[in-house]
């Protein structure tokens, strides 16, 4: 899933699993995607952020996170990136 970590920002965030040949989303982007990741598999995901207003560059607060959860909802991996929009 992709989100802003509970921080209210003027952005919409969506995610999809990507196909590498031909390049594109395997399904419509949404707030989360459910998929199986097999041993040794390295899937690709697209993260889309659309700003509806300015977002000040504040890496501590203005962030988008991508969370990888298991079937029990336990976070198994997490990454994030700072946002800025003018």
N, C-alpha and C. Protein backbone atom coordinates (compact mmCIF):
# COMPACT_ATOMS: atom_id res chain seq x y z
N UNK A 1 0.84 -1.17 0.00
CA UNK A 1 0.00 0.00 0.00
C UNK A 1 0.88 1.23 0.00
N UNK A 2 0.33 2.34 -0.46
CA UNK A 2 1.05 3.61 -0.48
C UNK A 2 0.21 4.64 0.28
N UNK A 3 0.86 5.44 1.13
CA UNK A 3 0.14 6.42 1.94
C UNK A 3 1.08 7.52 2.40
N UNK A 4 0.53 8.49 3.12
CA UNK A 4 1.32 9.60 3.65
C UNK A 4 1.64 9.42 5.13
N UNK A 5 1.48 8.23 5.64
CA UNK A 5 1.81 7.97 7.04
C UNK A 5 0.89 8.65 8.02
N UNK A 6 -0.35 8.92 7.62
CA UNK A 6 -1.31 9.56 8.52
C UNK A 6 -1.22 11.07 8.54
N UNK A 7 -0.27 11.64 7.81
CA UNK A 7 -0.14 13.10 7.74
C UNK A 7 -1.08 13.61 6.66
N UNK A 8 -1.85 14.65 6.97
CA UNK A 8 -2.78 15.22 6.01
C UNK A 8 -2.01 16.13 5.05
N UNK A 9 -1.90 15.70 3.81
CA UNK A 9 -1.22 16.47 2.77
C UNK A 9 -2.18 16.63 1.59
N UNK A 10 -2.07 17.71 0.81
CA UNK A 10 -2.96 17.90 -0.33
C UNK A 10 -2.52 17.05 -1.53
N UNK A 11 -2.46 15.75 -1.34
CA UNK A 11 -2.03 14.84 -2.40
C UNK A 11 -2.95 13.61 -2.41
N UNK A 12 -3.04 12.99 -3.58
CA UNK A 12 -3.65 11.67 -3.67
C UNK A 12 -2.53 10.71 -4.06
N UNK A 13 -2.54 9.53 -3.46
CA UNK A 13 -1.48 8.55 -3.64
C UNK A 13 -2.11 7.24 -4.11
N UNK A 14 -1.54 6.64 -5.15
CA UNK A 14 -2.02 5.34 -5.61
C UNK A 14 -0.83 4.46 -6.00
N UNK A 15 -1.09 3.16 -6.10
CA UNK A 15 -0.05 2.18 -6.39
C UNK A 15 -0.62 1.12 -7.32
N UNK A 16 0.23 0.54 -8.15
CA UNK A 16 -0.16 -0.61 -8.97
C UNK A 16 1.07 -1.50 -9.15
N UNK A 17 0.81 -2.77 -9.41
CA UNK A 17 1.90 -3.67 -9.78
C UNK A 17 2.14 -3.49 -11.27
N UNK A 18 3.40 -3.39 -11.64
CA UNK A 18 3.76 -3.09 -13.03
C UNK A 18 4.13 -4.36 -13.79
N UNK A 19 3.80 -4.35 -15.05
CA UNK A 19 4.24 -5.36 -16.00
C UNK A 19 5.47 -4.78 -16.68
N UNK A 20 6.50 -5.56 -16.89
CA UNK A 20 7.72 -5.02 -17.49
C UNK A 20 7.74 -5.15 -19.01
N UNK A 21 6.93 -6.07 -19.57
CA UNK A 21 6.88 -6.21 -21.02
C UNK A 21 5.47 -6.53 -21.44
N UNK A 22 4.68 -5.69 -22.04
CA UNK A 22 4.95 -4.26 -22.21
C UNK A 22 4.80 -3.51 -20.89
N UNK A 23 5.46 -2.37 -20.78
CA UNK A 23 5.49 -1.60 -19.55
C UNK A 23 4.10 -1.03 -19.26
N UNK A 24 3.62 -1.15 -18.06
CA UNK A 24 2.35 -0.58 -17.65
C UNK A 24 1.79 -1.28 -16.43
N UNK A 25 0.72 -0.71 -15.87
CA UNK A 25 0.06 -1.29 -14.70
C UNK A 25 -0.67 -2.56 -15.08
N UNK A 26 -0.62 -3.55 -14.23
CA UNK A 26 -1.37 -4.80 -14.44
C UNK A 26 -2.84 -4.63 -14.10
N UNK A 27 -3.19 -3.61 -13.35
CA UNK A 27 -4.56 -3.30 -12.98
C UNK A 27 -4.64 -1.81 -12.70
N UNK A 28 -5.83 -1.30 -12.45
CA UNK A 28 -5.95 0.14 -12.17
C UNK A 28 -5.25 0.52 -10.86
N UNK A 29 -4.55 1.66 -10.84
CA UNK A 29 -3.92 2.12 -9.60
C UNK A 29 -4.97 2.41 -8.53
N UNK A 30 -4.63 2.11 -7.28
CA UNK A 30 -5.52 2.36 -6.15
C UNK A 30 -4.70 2.57 -4.90
N UNK A 31 -5.33 2.69 -3.74
CA UNK A 31 -4.59 2.91 -2.50
C UNK A 31 -3.75 1.71 -2.07
N UNK A 32 -4.12 0.53 -2.58
CA UNK A 32 -3.33 -0.67 -2.28
C UNK A 32 -3.49 -1.67 -3.41
N UNK A 33 -2.62 -2.65 -3.43
CA UNK A 33 -2.69 -3.74 -4.41
C UNK A 33 -2.37 -5.03 -3.67
N UNK A 34 -3.11 -6.09 -3.98
CA UNK A 34 -2.86 -7.39 -3.37
C UNK A 34 -2.19 -8.28 -4.39
N UNK A 35 -1.08 -8.89 -4.01
CA UNK A 35 -0.33 -9.75 -4.93
C UNK A 35 0.46 -10.78 -4.14
N UNK A 36 0.79 -11.87 -4.77
CA UNK A 36 1.68 -12.87 -4.20
C UNK A 36 3.09 -12.59 -4.72
N UNK A 37 4.07 -12.65 -3.85
CA UNK A 37 5.47 -12.48 -4.25
C UNK A 37 6.18 -13.78 -3.90
N UNK A 38 6.58 -14.51 -4.92
CA UNK A 38 7.25 -15.79 -4.73
C UNK A 38 8.72 -15.63 -4.37
N UNK A 39 9.30 -16.68 -3.85
CA UNK A 39 10.72 -16.70 -3.51
C UNK A 39 11.54 -16.38 -4.74
N UNK A 40 12.46 -15.43 -4.61
CA UNK A 40 13.33 -15.04 -5.71
C UNK A 40 12.68 -14.10 -6.71
N UNK A 41 11.41 -13.79 -6.53
CA UNK A 41 10.70 -12.89 -7.44
C UNK A 41 10.99 -11.44 -7.05
N UNK A 42 11.12 -10.56 -8.03
CA UNK A 42 11.38 -9.14 -7.78
C UNK A 42 10.37 -8.30 -8.56
N UNK A 43 9.14 -8.20 -8.05
CA UNK A 43 8.11 -7.44 -8.78
C UNK A 43 8.40 -5.95 -8.77
N UNK A 44 7.79 -5.25 -9.71
CA UNK A 44 7.92 -3.81 -9.84
C UNK A 44 6.57 -3.16 -9.55
N UNK A 45 6.59 -2.04 -8.84
CA UNK A 45 5.37 -1.32 -8.50
C UNK A 45 5.50 0.12 -8.95
N UNK A 46 4.40 0.70 -9.41
CA UNK A 46 4.35 2.11 -9.78
C UNK A 46 3.63 2.86 -8.68
N UNK A 47 4.18 3.98 -8.25
CA UNK A 47 3.58 4.83 -7.23
C UNK A 47 3.25 6.16 -7.89
N UNK A 48 2.02 6.61 -7.75
CA UNK A 48 1.56 7.83 -8.40
C UNK A 48 1.10 8.81 -7.34
N UNK A 49 1.66 10.03 -7.37
CA UNK A 49 1.31 11.07 -6.40
C UNK A 49 0.85 12.29 -7.19
N UNK A 50 -0.37 12.75 -6.91
CA UNK A 50 -0.91 13.93 -7.58
C UNK A 50 -1.20 14.97 -6.51
N UNK A 51 -0.56 16.14 -6.65
CA UNK A 51 -0.74 17.22 -5.68
C UNK A 51 -1.94 18.07 -6.06
N UNK A 52 -2.74 18.43 -5.07
CA UNK A 52 -3.88 19.32 -5.26
C UNK A 52 -3.57 20.71 -4.71
N UNK A 53 -2.35 20.90 -4.27
CA UNK A 53 -1.92 22.16 -3.70
C UNK A 53 -0.44 22.07 -3.36
N UNK A 54 0.14 23.16 -2.89
CA UNK A 54 1.56 23.15 -2.56
C UNK A 54 1.88 22.23 -1.38
N UNK A 55 3.03 21.61 -1.45
CA UNK A 55 3.57 20.78 -0.36
C UNK A 55 4.97 21.29 -0.10
N UNK A 56 5.19 21.88 1.08
CA UNK A 56 6.50 22.43 1.43
C UNK A 56 7.51 21.31 1.56
N UNK A 57 8.75 21.58 1.17
CA UNK A 57 9.80 20.58 1.32
C UNK A 57 10.17 20.49 2.79
N UNK A 58 9.67 19.44 3.42
CA UNK A 58 9.94 19.15 4.83
C UNK A 58 10.06 17.64 4.94
N UNK A 59 11.27 17.10 4.69
CA UNK A 59 11.45 15.65 4.62
C UNK A 59 11.01 14.88 5.86
N UNK A 60 10.92 15.55 7.00
CA UNK A 60 10.50 14.88 8.22
C UNK A 60 9.00 14.62 8.21
N UNK A 61 8.22 15.48 7.55
CA UNK A 61 6.76 15.41 7.61
C UNK A 61 6.13 15.06 6.27
N UNK A 62 6.58 15.69 5.21
CA UNK A 62 5.96 15.54 3.88
C UNK A 62 6.56 14.35 3.16
N UNK A 63 5.95 13.17 3.37
CA UNK A 63 6.50 11.94 2.81
C UNK A 63 5.40 11.03 2.26
N UNK A 64 5.79 10.19 1.33
CA UNK A 64 4.94 9.09 0.86
C UNK A 64 5.65 7.80 1.24
N UNK A 65 4.88 6.87 1.77
CA UNK A 65 5.42 5.58 2.20
C UNK A 65 4.83 4.46 1.36
N UNK A 66 5.64 3.45 1.10
CA UNK A 66 5.17 2.22 0.47
C UNK A 66 5.40 1.13 1.50
N UNK A 67 4.32 0.43 1.85
CA UNK A 67 4.36 -0.61 2.87
C UNK A 67 4.04 -1.96 2.24
N UNK A 68 4.80 -2.95 2.60
CA UNK A 68 4.56 -4.32 2.15
C UNK A 68 4.08 -5.12 3.35
N UNK A 69 2.83 -5.56 3.31
CA UNK A 69 2.20 -6.26 4.42
C UNK A 69 2.00 -7.74 4.06
N UNK A 70 2.06 -8.60 5.08
CA UNK A 70 1.75 -10.01 4.85
C UNK A 70 0.24 -10.21 4.96
N UNK A 71 -0.22 -11.44 4.82
CA UNK A 71 -1.66 -11.73 4.84
C UNK A 71 -2.32 -11.42 6.18
N UNK A 72 -1.53 -11.26 7.24
CA UNK A 72 -2.06 -10.90 8.56
C UNK A 72 -2.03 -9.39 8.81
N UNK A 73 -1.60 -8.62 7.81
CA UNK A 73 -1.53 -7.17 7.97
C UNK A 73 -0.28 -6.68 8.68
N UNK A 74 0.71 -7.55 8.87
CA UNK A 74 1.96 -7.17 9.53
C UNK A 74 2.91 -6.58 8.49
N UNK A 75 3.46 -5.40 8.78
CA UNK A 75 4.40 -4.76 7.87
C UNK A 75 5.69 -5.58 7.81
N UNK A 76 6.08 -5.99 6.60
CA UNK A 76 7.30 -6.78 6.40
C UNK A 76 8.40 -5.95 5.76
N UNK A 77 8.04 -4.85 5.10
CA UNK A 77 9.03 -3.94 4.52
C UNK A 77 8.37 -2.57 4.38
N UNK A 78 9.18 -1.52 4.44
CA UNK A 78 8.68 -0.16 4.37
C UNK A 78 9.75 0.71 3.75
N UNK A 79 9.34 1.58 2.85
CA UNK A 79 10.25 2.57 2.30
C UNK A 79 9.48 3.86 2.13
N UNK A 80 10.18 4.96 2.01
CA UNK A 80 9.51 6.26 1.86
C UNK A 80 10.37 7.25 1.11
N UNK A 81 9.72 8.31 0.67
CA UNK A 81 10.42 9.37 -0.06
C UNK A 81 9.79 10.71 0.33
N UNK A 82 10.61 11.75 0.38
CA UNK A 82 10.13 13.09 0.70
C UNK A 82 9.37 13.67 -0.50
N UNK A 83 8.36 14.50 -0.21
CA UNK A 83 7.57 15.15 -1.25
C UNK A 83 7.81 16.64 -1.26
N UNK A 84 7.60 17.24 -2.44
CA UNK A 84 7.59 18.67 -2.58
C UNK A 84 6.76 18.99 -3.79
N UNK A 85 5.84 19.94 -3.67
CA UNK A 85 5.02 20.38 -4.80
C UNK A 85 4.82 21.88 -4.68
N UNK A 86 4.87 22.56 -5.80
CA UNK A 86 4.70 24.03 -5.79
C UNK A 86 3.41 24.41 -6.46
